[in-house]
Amino acid sequence: METIAQSIPAEHQDVWEGMVNFDFAKAYGKVTTAEVLEVKGHRLQPTFPAEGIEYAMDNWTPKNGDVFVASFPRTGTNWTTEIVRQIIYGRDPEKMKIAKSIPLPLMLLEGGLANKFKIANHIPIPRMVVATHLPATLINVDKFTQANAKFICVVRNPKDQILSWFHFAKKLPYLHLEPIRDLFQCDWEQFFDNYTTGKQPIGLKEGQWYLDHLLTWNEHKQNKNVYFVYFEDIKKDFVGEIHKMSRFLGVDLNDEEAREVAMNCGFGKMQQASADGTSDHDRVRGEIGVLRKGEIGGWKDKFTQAQSDEVDRQVREKLGKTDFRFTFEA
């Protein structure tokens, strides 16, 4: 991180030091309650501050070429973010080292306080790769893309997404806080109902869930700087999808380089890196079990027929007039 620290202006060193020294466990380890904040009627997950989201919408502009991986929780965020990093910096070990040492609040658009944007554009790499779980309604997509930032929107079939979210939510400490604990820490049947009826605060308006998140991004499908990729397509044709993403990002990769990206981003290799704590990002991924199975069709072992039918019904009602088409089986 020393290289990054040296690039931060002196007047903002306090922001940098506060960020790298922040101890989430110490700050929230004994907390039992948390307020659910709202931005424009969207209910945020506990401990996520509203001020950074509001500031980014109104006052911040990314650099030319910055990349945002826009994906709902449990749709392939970490996997796709690593693929993009490898595409851009895989052939430059020094820049890759910097990219992997960036503090987590700068790697998640909605993470951290508004003051982080004082240093965001001083990170000494040409293009930042930032993840976000936010709907497009909480991001100034037009302003960002006019600055030539790019969005890669990751889509996963909603049945596998629900099941993965059910398992992951149990591991997140802030989803054990009151007053929202019972919405997440419950049995499968209750969780399914809480989620698909939009009771959980997950960055959307009350009554909304993953399908509604997709609708917000569908509004930008004609924007040349917004690209949609399916989790299942990456699984089925890894190298082919890497080539498509690299072309969208304006990066020339030959077949050997694309295969190397695929090798470096293989699920097993990323799980091992998480277990080893190779970087801060890997360590955090390992601690909270970000990388689970990454399978297609795992929902069939958990869903009742009624639950499967309910998701199908909502897909028809909410997304029937869009181009979204899901792959539910491998």
C-alpha atoms as a PDB file:
ATOM      1  CA  MET A   1       0.000   0.000   0.000  1.00  0.00           C
ATOM      2  CA  GLU A   2       3.023   2.279   0.273  1.00  0.00           C
ATOM      3  CA  THR A   3       2.904   3.070  -3.441  1.00  0.00           C
ATOM      4  CA  ILE A   4      -0.706   4.183  -3.118  1.00  0.00           C
ATOM      5  CA  ALA A   5      -0.009   6.217   0.028  1.00  0.00           C
ATOM      6  CA  GLN A   6       2.701   8.156  -1.774  1.00  0.00           C
ATOM      7  CA  SER A   7       0.234   9.171  -4.488  1.00  0.00           C
ATOM      8  CA  ILE A   8      -2.337  10.626  -2.083  1.00  0.00           C
ATOM      9  CA  PRO A   9      -2.113  14.426  -1.699  1.00  0.00           C
ATOM     10  CA  ALA A  10      -0.841  15.578   1.694  1.00  0.00           C
ATOM     11  CA  GLU A  11      -4.120  17.285   2.529  1.00  0.00           C
ATOM     12  CA  HIS A  12      -5.945  13.948   2.186  1.00  0.00           C
ATOM     13  CA  GLN A  13      -3.495  11.678   3.992  1.00  0.00           C
ATOM     14  CA  ASP A  14      -5.800  11.614   7.007  1.00  0.00           C
ATOM     15  CA  VAL A  15      -8.551  10.086   4.845  1.00  0.00           C
ATOM     16  CA  TRP A  16      -6.165   7.435   3.583  1.00  0.00           C
ATOM     17  CA  GLU A  17      -4.838   6.569   7.030  1.00  0.00           C
ATOM     18  CA  GLY A  18      -8.326   6.391   8.497  1.00  0.00           C
ATOM     19  CA  MET A  19      -9.360   4.002   5.741  1.00  0.00           C
ATOM     20  CA  VAL A  20      -6.434   1.582   5.940  1.00  0.00           C
ATOM     21  CA  ASN A  21      -6.502   1.534   9.743  1.00  0.00           C
ATOM     22  CA  PHE A  22     -10.247   1.039  10.109  1.00  0.00           C
ATOM     23  CA  ASP A  23     -11.096  -2.114  12.040  1.00  0.00           C
ATOM     24  CA  PHE A  24     -14.593  -3.273  11.117  1.00  0.00           C
ATOM     25  CA  ALA A  25     -14.656  -5.963  13.796  1.00  0.00           C
ATOM     26  CA  LYS A  26     -13.659  -3.469  16.496  1.00  0.00           C
ATOM     27  CA  ALA A  27     -16.169  -0.885  15.311  1.00  0.00           C
ATOM     28  CA  TYR A  28     -19.132  -3.246  15.005  1.00  0.00           C
ATOM     29  CA  GLY A  29     -18.115  -6.339  16.982  1.00  0.00           C
ATOM     30  CA  LYS A  30     -20.228  -5.458  20.032  1.00  0.00           C
ATOM     31  CA  VAL A  31     -23.028  -3.708  18.190  1.00  0.00           C
ATOM     32  CA  THR A  32     -26.406  -5.428  18.454  1.00  0.00           C
ATOM     33  CA  THR A  33     -28.604  -2.932  16.614  1.00  0.00           C
ATOM     34  CA  ALA A  34     -28.206  -0.894  13.444  1.00  0.00           C
ATOM     35  CA  GLU A  35     -30.351   1.653  11.703  1.00  0.00           C
ATOM     36  CA  VAL A  36     -31.626   0.869   8.221  1.00  0.00           C
ATOM     37  CA  LEU A  37     -30.804   3.987   6.231  1.00  0.00           C
ATOM     38  CA  GLU A  38     -32.560   5.063   3.053  1.00  0.00           C
ATOM     39  CA  VAL A  39     -31.523   6.840  -0.129  1.00  0.00           C
ATOM     40  CA  LYS A  40     -34.387   7.962  -2.351  1.00  0.00           C
ATOM     41  CA  GLY A  41     -36.670   5.386  -0.763  1.00  0.00           C
ATOM     42  CA  HIS A  42     -34.147   2.550  -1.206  1.00  0.00           C
ATOM     43  CA  ARG A  43     -33.419   0.694   2.040  1.00  0.00           C
ATOM     44  CA  LEU A  44     -29.722  -0.007   2.534  1.00  0.00           C
ATOM     45  CA  GLN A  45     -28.187  -2.978   4.283  1.00  0.00           C
ATOM     46  CA  PRO A  46     -27.204  -2.138   7.884  1.00  0.00           C
ATOM     47  CA  THR A  47     -23.789  -0.448   8.392  1.00  0.00           C
ATOM     48  CA  PHE A  48     -23.772   0.870   4.804  1.00  0.00           C
ATOM     49  CA  PRO A  49     -23.714   4.686   5.002  1.00  0.00           C
ATOM     50  CA  ALA A  50     -25.997   6.714   2.781  1.00  0.00           C
ATOM     51  CA  GLU A  51     -23.668   9.684   2.464  1.00  0.00           C
ATOM     52  CA  GLY A  52     -21.168   8.026   0.127  1.00  0.00           C
ATOM     53  CA  ILE A  53     -23.893   6.903  -2.275  1.00  0.00           C
ATOM     54  CA  GLU A  54     -25.444  10.370  -2.301  1.00  0.00           C
ATOM     55  CA  TYR A  55     -22.077  12.055  -2.800  1.00  0.00           C
ATOM     56  CA  ALA A  56     -21.136   9.812  -5.717  1.00  0.00           C
ATOM     57  CA  MET A  57     -24.457  10.519  -7.419  1.00  0.00           C
ATOM     58  CA  ASP A  58     -24.193  14.278  -7.140  1.00  0.00           C
ATOM     59  CA  ASN A  59     -20.545  15.234  -6.814  1.00  0.00           C
ATOM     60  CA  TRP A  60     -18.114  12.586  -8.045  1.00  0.00           C
ATOM     61  CA  THR A  61     -16.994  11.629 -11.536  1.00  0.00           C
ATOM     62  CA  PRO A  62     -14.831   8.548 -12.209  1.00  0.00           C
ATOM     63  CA  LYS A  63     -11.787   8.571 -14.469  1.00  0.00           C
ATOM     64  CA  ASN A  64     -11.868   7.846 -18.170  1.00  0.00           C
ATOM     65  CA  GLY A  65     -11.918   4.064 -18.554  1.00  0.00           C
ATOM     66  CA  ASP A  66     -12.788   3.123 -14.979  1.00  0.00           C
ATOM     67  CA  VAL A  67     -14.835  -0.069 -14.791  1.00  0.00           C
ATOM     68  CA  PHE A  68     -17.795  -0.837 -12.545  1.00  0.00           C
ATOM     69  CA  VAL A  69     -18.919  -4.430 -12.070  1.00  0.00           C
ATOM     70  CA  ALA A  70     -22.621  -3.956 -11.361  1.00  0.00           C
ATOM     71  CA  SER A  71     -24.109  -7.105  -9.930  1.00  0.00           C
ATOM     72  CA  PHE A  72     -26.576  -8.069  -7.246  1.00  0.00           C
ATOM     73  CA  PRO A  73     -25.254 -10.072  -4.274  1.00  0.00           C
ATOM     74  CA  ARG A  74     -24.522 -13.712  -5.142  1.00  0.00           C
ATOM     75  CA  THR A  75     -24.552 -13.293  -8.906  1.00  0.00           C
ATOM     76  CA  GLY A  76     -20.785 -13.490  -9.474  1.00  0.00           C
ATOM     77  CA  THR A  77     -19.493 -10.139  -8.237  1.00  0.00           C
ATOM     78  CA  ASN A  78     -16.106 -11.227  -6.910  1.00  0.00           C
ATOM     79  CA  TRP A  79     -15.499 -13.642  -9.761  1.00  0.00           C
ATOM     80  CA  THR A  80     -16.259 -11.087 -12.464  1.00  0.00           C
ATOM     81  CA  THR A  81     -14.310  -8.340 -10.687  1.00  0.00           C
ATOM     82  CA  GLU A  82     -11.246 -10.575 -10.642  1.00  0.00           C
ATOM     83  CA  ILE A  83     -11.743 -11.464 -14.317  1.00  0.00           C
ATOM     84  CA  VAL A  84     -11.846  -7.749 -15.212  1.00  0.00           C
ATOM     85  CA  ARG A  85      -8.746  -7.027 -13.117  1.00  0.00           C
ATOM     86  CA  GLN A  86      -6.904  -9.855 -14.845  1.00  0.00           C
ATOM     87  CA  ILE A  87      -7.992  -8.644 -18.289  1.00  0.00           C
ATOM     88  CA  ILE A  88      -6.742  -5.115 -17.624  1.00  0.00           C
ATOM     89  CA  TYR A  89      -3.654  -5.734 -15.473  1.00  0.00           C
ATOM     90  CA  GLY A  90      -2.804  -9.412 -15.825  1.00  0.00           C
ATOM     91  CA  ARG A  91       0.165  -8.591 -18.037  1.00  0.00           C
ATOM     92  CA  ASP A  92       1.472  -5.890 -15.677  1.00  0.00           C
ATOM     93  CA  PRO A  93       2.456  -7.421 -12.296  1.00  0.00           C
ATOM     94  CA  GLU A  94       3.245  -4.059 -10.681  1.00  0.00           C
ATOM     95  CA  LYS A  95      -0.111  -2.522 -11.515  1.00  0.00           C
ATOM     96  CA  MET A  96      -1.876  -5.751 -10.552  1.00  0.00           C
ATOM     97  CA  LYS A  97      -0.164  -5.593  -7.166  1.00  0.00           C
ATOM     98  CA  ILE A  98      -1.472  -2.046  -6.682  1.00  0.00           C
ATOM     99  CA  ALA A  99      -4.958  -3.009  -7.881  1.00  0.00           C
ATOM    100  CA  LYS A 100      -5.135  -5.831  -5.345  1.00  0.00           C
ATOM    101  CA  SER A 101      -3.881  -3.683  -2.463  1.00  0.00           C
ATOM    102  CA  ILE A 102      -6.568  -1.003  -2.755  1.00  0.00           C
ATOM    103  CA  PRO A 103      -8.595  -0.806   0.496  1.00  0.00           C
ATOM    104  CA  LEU A 104     -12.012  -2.416   0.291  1.00  0.00           C
ATOM    105  CA  PRO A 105     -14.059   0.802   0.757  1.00  0.00           C
ATOM    106  CA  LEU A 106     -12.573   2.041  -2.525  1.00  0.00           C
ATOM    107  CA  MET A 107     -13.351  -1.252  -4.238  1.00  0.00           C
ATOM    108  CA  LEU A 108     -17.077  -1.088  -3.483  1.00  0.00           C
ATOM    109  CA  LEU A 109     -18.888   2.008  -4.716  1.00  0.00           C
ATOM    110  CA  GLU A 110     -21.334   2.082  -1.804  1.00  0.00           C
ATOM    111  CA  GLY A 111     -18.743   1.179   0.828  1.00  0.00           C
ATOM    112  CA  GLY A 112     -17.257   3.755   3.188  1.00  0.00           C
ATOM    113  CA  LEU A 113     -17.889   7.436   3.804  1.00  0.00           C
ATOM    114  CA  ALA A 114     -18.118  10.270   1.314  1.00  0.00           C
ATOM    115  CA  ASN A 115     -14.599  11.482   2.087  1.00  0.00           C
ATOM    116  CA  LYS A 116     -13.162   8.448   0.275  1.00  0.00           C
ATOM    117  CA  PHE A 117     -13.946  10.187  -3.007  1.00  0.00           C
ATOM    118  CA  LYS A 118     -11.294  12.792  -2.160  1.00  0.00           C
ATOM    119  CA  ILE A 119      -8.668  10.120  -2.832  1.00  0.00           C
ATOM    120  CA  ALA A 120     -10.442   7.746  -5.232  1.00  0.00           C
ATOM    121  CA  ASN A 121      -9.025   9.353  -8.363  1.00  0.00           C
ATOM    122  CA  HIS A 122      -5.480   9.490  -6.973  1.00  0.00           C
ATOM    123  CA  ILE A 123      -4.904   5.722  -6.968  1.00  0.00           C
ATOM    124  CA  PRO A 124      -1.828   5.255  -9.226  1.00  0.00           C
ATOM    125  CA  ILE A 125      -3.317   2.941 -11.837  1.00  0.00           C
ATOM    126  CA  PRO A 126      -4.926   4.076 -15.106  1.00  0.00           C
ATOM    127  CA  ARG A 127      -8.263   2.306 -14.568  1.00  0.00           C
ATOM    128  CA  MET A 128     -10.019   1.463 -11.323  1.00  0.00           C
ATOM    129  CA  VAL A 129     -12.126  -1.697 -11.120  1.00  0.00           C
ATOM    130  CA  VAL A 130     -14.973  -1.099  -8.677  1.00  0.00           C
ATOM    131  CA  ALA A 131     -17.820  -3.404  -7.708  1.00  0.00           C
ATOM    132  CA  THR A 132     -21.327  -2.312  -6.783  1.00  0.00           C
ATOM    133  CA  HIS A 133     -24.528  -4.039  -5.715  1.00  0.00           C
ATOM    134  CA  LEU A 134     -26.578  -0.877  -6.201  1.00  0.00           C
ATOM    135  CA  PRO A 135     -29.502  -0.599  -8.597  1.00  0.00           C
ATOM    136  CA  ALA A 136     -29.011   1.813 -11.471  1.00  0.00           C
ATOM    137  CA  THR A 137     -31.477   4.169  -9.773  1.00  0.00           C
ATOM    138  CA  LEU A 138     -28.819   4.943  -7.132  1.00  0.00           C
ATOM    139  CA  ILE A 139     -25.965   5.542  -9.582  1.00  0.00           C
ATOM    140  CA  ASN A 140     -25.591   8.461 -11.955  1.00  0.00           C
ATOM    141  CA  VAL A 141     -25.068   6.108 -14.884  1.00  0.00           C
ATOM    142  CA  ASP A 142     -25.344   8.811 -17.548  1.00  0.00           C
ATOM    143  CA  LYS A 143     -22.723  11.021 -15.865  1.00  0.00           C
ATOM    144  CA  PHE A 144     -20.369   8.095 -15.320  1.00  0.00           C
ATOM    145  CA  THR A 145     -20.612   6.808 -18.887  1.00  0.00           C
ATOM    146  CA  GLN A 146     -20.264  10.309 -20.335  1.00  0.00           C
ATOM    147  CA  ALA A 147     -16.889  10.318 -18.577  1.00  0.00           C
ATOM    148  CA  ASN A 148     -16.239   7.046 -20.478  1.00  0.00           C
ATOM    149  CA  ALA A 149     -16.523   4.798 -17.459  1.00  0.00           C
ATOM    150  CA  LYS A 150     -17.843   1.351 -18.286  1.00  0.00           C
ATOM    151  CA  PHE A 151     -20.326  -0.934 -16.569  1.00  0.00           C
ATOM    152  CA  ILE A 152     -20.324  -4.719 -16.745  1.00  0.00           C
ATOM    153  CA  CYS A 153     -23.673  -5.956 -15.455  1.00  0.00           C
ATOM    154  CA  VAL A 154     -23.615  -9.553 -14.266  1.00  0.00           C
ATOM    155  CA  VAL A 155     -26.827 -11.580 -14.500  1.00  0.00           C
ATOM    156  CA  ARG A 156     -27.478 -14.939 -12.826  1.00  0.00           C
ATOM    157  CA  ASN A 157     -30.592 -17.056 -12.803  1.00  0.00           C
ATOM    158  CA  PRO A 158     -32.704 -15.969  -9.811  1.00  0.00           C
ATOM    159  CA  LYS A 159     -33.237 -19.450  -8.370  1.00  0.00           C
ATOM    160  CA  ASP A 160     -29.540 -20.100  -7.835  1.00  0.00           C
ATOM    161  CA  GLN A 161     -29.137 -16.497  -6.662  1.00  0.00           C
ATOM    162  CA  ILE A 162     -31.797 -16.940  -3.958  1.00  0.00           C
ATOM    163  CA  LEU A 163     -30.232 -20.137  -2.632  1.00  0.00           C
ATOM    164  CA  SER A 164     -26.737 -18.658  -2.590  1.00  0.00           C
ATOM    165  CA  TRP A 165     -28.032 -15.530  -0.824  1.00  0.00           C
ATOM    166  CA  PHE A 166     -29.771 -17.706   1.791  1.00  0.00           C
ATOM    167  CA  HIS A 167     -26.481 -19.392   2.731  1.00  0.00           C
ATOM    168  CA  PHE A 168     -24.355 -16.236   2.505  1.00  0.00           C
ATOM    169  CA  ALA A 169     -26.670 -14.013   4.554  1.00  0.00           C
ATOM    170  CA  LYS A 170     -26.120 -16.262   7.563  1.00  0.00           C
ATOM    171  CA  LYS A 171     -22.392 -15.470   7.467  1.00  0.00           C
ATOM    172  CA  LEU A 172     -22.687 -11.671   7.405  1.00  0.00           C
ATOM    173  CA  PRO A 173     -22.458 -10.219  10.941  1.00  0.00           C
ATOM    174  CA  TYR A 174     -24.439  -7.085  10.095  1.00  0.00           C
ATOM    175  CA  LEU A 175     -27.412  -9.191   9.023  1.00  0.00           C
ATOM    176  CA  HIS A 176     -27.582 -10.569  12.563  1.00  0.00           C
ATOM    177  CA  LEU A 177     -28.386  -7.109  13.965  1.00  0.00           C
ATOM    178  CA  GLU A 178     -31.739  -5.887  15.141  1.00  0.00           C
ATOM    179  CA  PRO A 179     -34.236  -4.868  13.881  1.00  0.00           C
ATOM    180  CA  ILE A 180     -33.678  -6.889  10.678  1.00  0.00           C
ATOM    181  CA  ARG A 181     -32.236 -10.093  12.139  1.00  0.00           C
ATOM    182  CA  ASP A 182     -35.401 -12.184  11.776  1.00  0.00           C
ATOM    183  CA  LEU A 183     -35.728 -11.231   8.110  1.00  0.00           C
ATOM    184  CA  PHE A 184     -32.437 -13.007   7.351  1.00  0.00           C
ATOM    185  CA  GLN A 185     -31.705 -15.456  10.176  1.00  0.00           C
ATOM    186  CA  CYS A 186     -34.638 -17.785   9.675  1.00  0.00           C
ATOM    187  CA  ASP A 187     -35.439 -21.107   8.068  1.00  0.00           C
ATOM    188  CA  TRP A 188     -35.454 -21.585   4.307  1.00  0.00           C
ATOM    189  CA  GLU A 189     -39.217 -21.265   3.811  1.00  0.00           C
ATOM    190  CA  GLN A 190     -39.434 -17.988   5.730  1.00  0.00           C
ATOM    191  CA  PHE A 191     -36.289 -16.620   4.101  1.00  0.00           C
ATOM    192  CA  PHE A 192     -37.671 -17.357   0.626  1.00  0.00           C
ATOM    193  CA  ASP A 193     -40.878 -15.495   1.460  1.00  0.00           C
ATOM    194  CA  ASN A 194     -39.108 -12.534   3.099  1.00  0.00           C
ATOM    195  CA  TYR A 195     -36.815 -12.163   0.112  1.00  0.00           C
ATOM    196  CA  THR A 196     -39.177 -12.646  -2.824  1.00  0.00           C
ATOM    197  CA  THR A 197     -41.786 -10.310  -1.300  1.00  0.00           C
ATOM    198  CA  GLY A 198     -39.205  -7.557  -0.849  1.00  0.00           C
ATOM    199  CA  LYS A 199     -39.113  -7.411   2.941  1.00  0.00           C
ATOM    200  CA  GLN A 200     -35.319  -7.510   3.262  1.00  0.00           C
ATOM    201  CA  PRO A 201     -33.381  -4.197   3.125  1.00  0.00           C
ATOM    202  CA  ILE A 202     -30.926  -4.876   0.303  1.00  0.00           C
ATOM    203  CA  GLY A 203     -30.546  -1.547  -1.485  1.00  0.00           C
ATOM    204  CA  LEU A 204     -33.989  -1.597  -3.090  1.00  0.00           C
ATOM    205  CA  LYS A 205     -37.392  -0.152  -2.268  1.00  0.00           C
ATOM    206  CA  GLU A 206     -39.768  -2.066  -0.038  1.00  0.00           C
ATOM    207  CA  GLY A 207     -41.467  -4.839  -2.002  1.00  0.00           C
ATOM    208  CA  GLN A 208     -38.546  -5.226  -4.417  1.00  0.00           C
ATOM    209  CA  TRP A 209     -35.878  -7.899  -4.869  1.00  0.00           C
ATOM    210  CA  TYR A 210     -33.341  -9.118  -7.439  1.00  0.00           C
ATOM    211  CA  LEU A 211     -35.706  -9.026 -10.431  1.00  0.00           C
ATOM    212  CA  ASP A 212     -36.468  -5.362  -9.730  1.00  0.00           C
ATOM    213  CA  HIS A 213     -32.734  -4.657  -9.535  1.00  0.00           C
ATOM    214  CA  LEU A 214     -32.361  -6.089 -13.039  1.00  0.00           C
ATOM    215  CA  LEU A 215     -35.155  -3.855 -14.297  1.00  0.00           C
ATOM    216  CA  THR A 216     -33.244  -0.741 -13.232  1.00  0.00           C
ATOM    217  CA  TRP A 217     -30.225  -1.792 -15.279  1.00  0.00           C
ATOM    218  CA  ASN A 218     -32.365  -2.820 -18.226  1.00  0.00           C
ATOM    219  CA  GLU A 219     -33.154   0.877 -18.664  1.00  0.00           C
ATOM    220  CA  HIS A 220     -29.536   1.367 -19.777  1.00  0.00           C
ATOM    221  CA  LYS A 221     -29.216  -1.568 -22.156  1.00  0.00           C
ATOM    222  CA  GLN A 222     -28.825   0.764 -25.156  1.00  0.00           C
ATOM    223  CA  ASN A 223     -25.912   2.625 -23.569  1.00  0.00           C
ATOM    224  CA  LYS A 224     -22.751   1.609 -25.445  1.00  0.00           C
ATOM    225  CA  ASN A 225     -20.782   1.703 -22.192  1.00  0.00           C
ATOM    226  CA  VAL A 226     -23.049  -0.817 -20.451  1.00  0.00           C
ATOM    227  CA  TYR A 227     -22.468  -4.508 -21.120  1.00  0.00           C
ATOM    228  CA  PHE A 228     -24.479  -7.480 -19.836  1.00  0.00           C
ATOM    229  CA  VAL A 229     -22.870 -10.842 -19.176  1.00  0.00           C
ATOM    230  CA  TYR A 230     -24.511 -13.993 -17.811  1.00  0.00           C
ATOM    231  CA  PHE A 231     -22.895 -15.958 -14.994  1.00  0.00           C
ATOM    232  CA  GLU A 232     -23.945 -19.192 -16.681  1.00  0.00           C
ATOM    233  CA  ASP A 233     -22.388 -18.172 -20.008  1.00  0.00           C
ATOM    234  CA  ILE A 234     -19.049 -17.562 -18.282  1.00  0.00           C
ATOM    235  CA  LYS A 235     -19.284 -21.013 -16.728  1.00  0.00           C
ATOM    236  CA  LYS A 236     -20.038 -22.651 -20.076  1.00  0.00           C
ATOM    237  CA  ASP A 237     -17.548 -20.785 -22.299  1.00  0.00           C
ATOM    238  CA  PHE A 238     -15.024 -19.124 -20.014  1.00  0.00           C
ATOM    239  CA  VAL A 239     -12.444 -18.133 -22.630  1.00  0.00           C
ATOM    240  CA  GLY A 240     -15.083 -16.997 -25.110  1.00  0.00           C
ATOM    241  CA  GLU A 241     -16.739 -14.711 -22.569  1.00  0.00           C
ATOM    242  CA  ILE A 242     -13.351 -13.333 -21.511  1.00  0.00           C
ATOM    243  CA  HIS A 243     -12.730 -12.340 -25.130  1.00  0.00           C
ATOM    244  CA  LYS A 244     -16.119 -10.581 -25.271  1.00  0.00           C
ATOM    245  CA  MET A 245     -15.486  -8.672 -22.068  1.00  0.00           C
ATOM    246  CA  SER A 246     -11.975  -7.705 -23.137  1.00  0.00           C
ATOM    247  CA  ARG A 247     -13.285  -6.291 -26.433  1.00  0.00           C
ATOM    248  CA  PHE A 248     -15.886  -4.277 -24.539  1.00  0.00           C
ATOM    249  CA  LEU A 249     -13.125  -2.941 -22.268  1.00  0.00           C
ATOM    250  CA  GLY A 250     -10.917  -2.070 -25.223  1.00  0.00           C
ATOM    251  CA  VAL A 251      -8.201  -4.562 -24.250  1.00  0.00           C
ATOM    252  CA  ASP A 252      -6.601  -6.787 -26.899  1.00  0.00           C
ATOM    253  CA  LEU A 253      -6.039 -10.337 -25.698  1.00  0.00           C
ATOM    254  CA  ASN A 254      -4.849 -13.217 -27.811  1.00  0.00           C
ATOM    255  CA  ASP A 255      -6.107 -16.744 -27.151  1.00  0.00           C
ATOM    256  CA  GLU A 256      -3.163 -17.645 -24.921  1.00  0.00           C
ATOM    257  CA  GLU A 257      -3.669 -14.517 -22.793  1.00  0.00           C
ATOM    258  CA  ALA A 258      -7.392 -15.194 -22.505  1.00  0.00           C
ATOM    259  CA  ARG A 259      -6.691 -18.747 -21.376  1.00  0.00           C
ATOM    260  CA  GLU A 260      -4.272 -17.407 -18.770  1.00  0.00           C
ATOM    261  CA  VAL A 261      -6.985 -15.092 -17.423  1.00  0.00           C
ATOM    262  CA  ALA A 262      -9.304 -18.096 -17.239  1.00  0.00           C
ATOM    263  CA  MET A 263      -6.664 -20.104 -15.384  1.00  0.00           C
ATOM    264  CA  ASN A 264      -6.003 -17.302 -12.888  1.00  0.00           C
ATOM    265  CA  CYS A 265      -9.735 -16.850 -12.282  1.00  0.00           C
ATOM    266  CA  GLY A 266     -10.674 -20.492 -12.034  1.00  0.00           C
ATOM    267  CA  PHE A 267     -13.036 -21.085  -9.133  1.00  0.00           C
ATOM    268  CA  GLY A 268     -10.692 -23.495  -7.407  1.00  0.00           C
ATOM    269  CA  LYS A 269      -7.724 -21.164  -7.713  1.00  0.00           C
ATOM    270  CA  MET A 270      -9.705 -18.230  -6.310  1.00  0.00           C
ATOM    271  CA  GLN A 271     -10.919 -20.368  -3.408  1.00  0.00           C
ATOM    272  CA  GLN A 272      -7.327 -21.338  -2.649  1.00  0.00           C
ATOM    273  CA  ALA A 273      -6.211 -17.700  -2.786  1.00  0.00           C
ATOM    274  CA  SER A 274      -9.001 -16.840  -0.344  1.00  0.00           C
ATOM    275  CA  ALA A 275      -7.886 -19.629   1.991  1.00  0.00           C
ATOM    276  CA  ASP A 276      -4.256 -18.449   1.785  1.00  0.00           C
ATOM    277  CA  GLY A 277      -5.149 -14.751   2.248  1.00  0.00           C
ATOM    278  CA  THR A 278      -2.928 -13.822  -0.700  1.00  0.00           C
ATOM    279  CA  SER A 279      -4.199 -10.205  -0.579  1.00  0.00           C
ATOM    280  CA  ASP A 280      -6.547  -8.241   1.677  1.00  0.00           C
ATOM    281  CA  HIS A 281      -9.326  -8.915  -0.820  1.00  0.00           C
ATOM    282  CA  ASP A 282      -8.587 -12.632  -0.770  1.00  0.00           C
ATOM    283  CA  ARG A 283      -8.408 -12.674   3.028  1.00  0.00           C
ATOM    284  CA  VAL A 284     -11.818 -11.024   3.417  1.00  0.00           C
ATOM    285  CA  ARG A 285     -13.322 -13.345   0.804  1.00  0.00           C
ATOM    286  CA  GLY A 286     -12.032 -16.282   2.805  1.00  0.00           C
ATOM    287  CA  GLU A 287     -13.209 -14.986   6.181  1.00  0.00           C
ATOM    288  CA  ILE A 288     -16.846 -14.582   5.137  1.00  0.00           C
ATOM    289  CA  GLY A 289     -16.986 -17.415   2.621  1.00  0.00           C
ATOM    290  CA  VAL A 290     -17.697 -15.295  -0.443  1.00  0.00           C
ATOM    291  CA  LEU A 291     -16.831 -18.119  -2.815  1.00  0.00           C
ATOM    292  CA  ARG A 292     -19.259 -20.962  -2.165  1.00  0.00           C
ATOM    293  CA  LYS A 293     -19.915 -23.420  -5.022  1.00  0.00           C
ATOM    294  CA  GLY A 294     -20.597 -21.365  -8.134  1.00  0.00           C
ATOM    295  CA  GLU A 295     -22.798 -24.069  -9.599  1.00  0.00           C
ATOM    296  CA  ILE A 296     -25.671 -23.943 -12.076  1.00  0.00           C
ATOM    297  CA  GLY A 297     -28.851 -25.676 -10.976  1.00  0.00           C
ATOM    298  CA  GLY A 298     -28.111 -26.159  -7.283  1.00  0.00           C
ATOM    299  CA  TRP A 299     -31.529 -24.672  -6.508  1.00  0.00           C
ATOM    300  CA  LYS A 300     -33.182 -27.975  -7.529  1.00  0.00           C
ATOM    301  CA  ASP A 301     -31.938 -29.623  -4.336  1.00  0.00           C
ATOM    302  CA  LYS A 302     -33.669 -27.039  -2.137  1.00  0.00           C
ATOM    303  CA  PHE A 303     -36.702 -25.535  -3.850  1.00  0.00           C
ATOM    304  CA  THR A 304     -40.189 -26.933  -3.504  1.00  0.00           C
ATOM    305  CA  GLN A 305     -42.270 -27.042  -6.669  1.00  0.00           C
ATOM    306  CA  ALA A 306     -44.359 -24.170  -5.327  1.00  0.00           C
ATOM    307  CA  GLN A 307     -41.249 -22.032  -4.788  1.00  0.00           C
ATOM    308  CA  SER A 308     -39.965 -22.762  -8.276  1.00  0.00           C
ATOM    309  CA  ASP A 309     -43.359 -21.867  -9.734  1.00  0.00           C
ATOM    310  CA  GLU A 310     -43.458 -18.627  -7.744  1.00  0.00           C
ATOM    311  CA  VAL A 311     -40.121 -17.478  -9.137  1.00  0.00           C
ATOM    312  CA  ASP A 312     -41.233 -18.426 -12.657  1.00  0.00           C
ATOM    313  CA  ARG A 313     -44.417 -16.399 -12.164  1.00  0.00           C
ATOM    314  CA  GLN A 314     -42.545 -13.319 -11.002  1.00  0.00           C
ATOM    315  CA  VAL A 315     -40.017 -13.627 -13.838  1.00  0.00           C
ATOM    316  CA  ARG A 316     -42.899 -13.616 -16.334  1.00  0.00           C
ATOM    317  CA  GLU A 317     -44.643 -10.684 -14.655  1.00  0.00           C
ATOM    318  CA  LYS A 318     -41.607  -8.486 -14.005  1.00  0.00           C
ATOM    319  CA  LEU A 319     -39.220  -9.376 -16.825  1.00  0.00           C
ATOM    320  CA  GLY A 320     -41.536 -10.753 -19.507  1.00  0.00           C
ATOM    321  CA  LYS A 321     -41.122  -7.657 -21.693  1.00  0.00           C
ATOM    322  CA  THR A 322     -37.329  -7.580 -21.395  1.00  0.00           C
ATOM    323  CA  ASP A 323     -34.580  -9.545 -23.138  1.00  0.00           C
ATOM    324  CA  PHE A 324     -33.462 -11.357 -19.977  1.00  0.00           C
ATOM    325  CA  ARG A 325     -33.378 -15.112 -20.482  1.00  0.00           C
ATOM    326  CA  PHE A 326     -32.183 -17.377 -17.693  1.00  0.00           C
ATOM    327  CA  THR A 327     -30.374 -20.711 -17.714  1.00  0.00           C
ATOM    328  CA  PHE A 328     -31.649 -22.766 -14.784  1.00  0.00           C
ATOM    329  CA  GLU A 329     -29.797 -26.030 -15.479  1.00  0.00           C
ATOM    330  CA  ALA A 330     -26.248 -26.862 -16.539  1.00  0.00           C
END
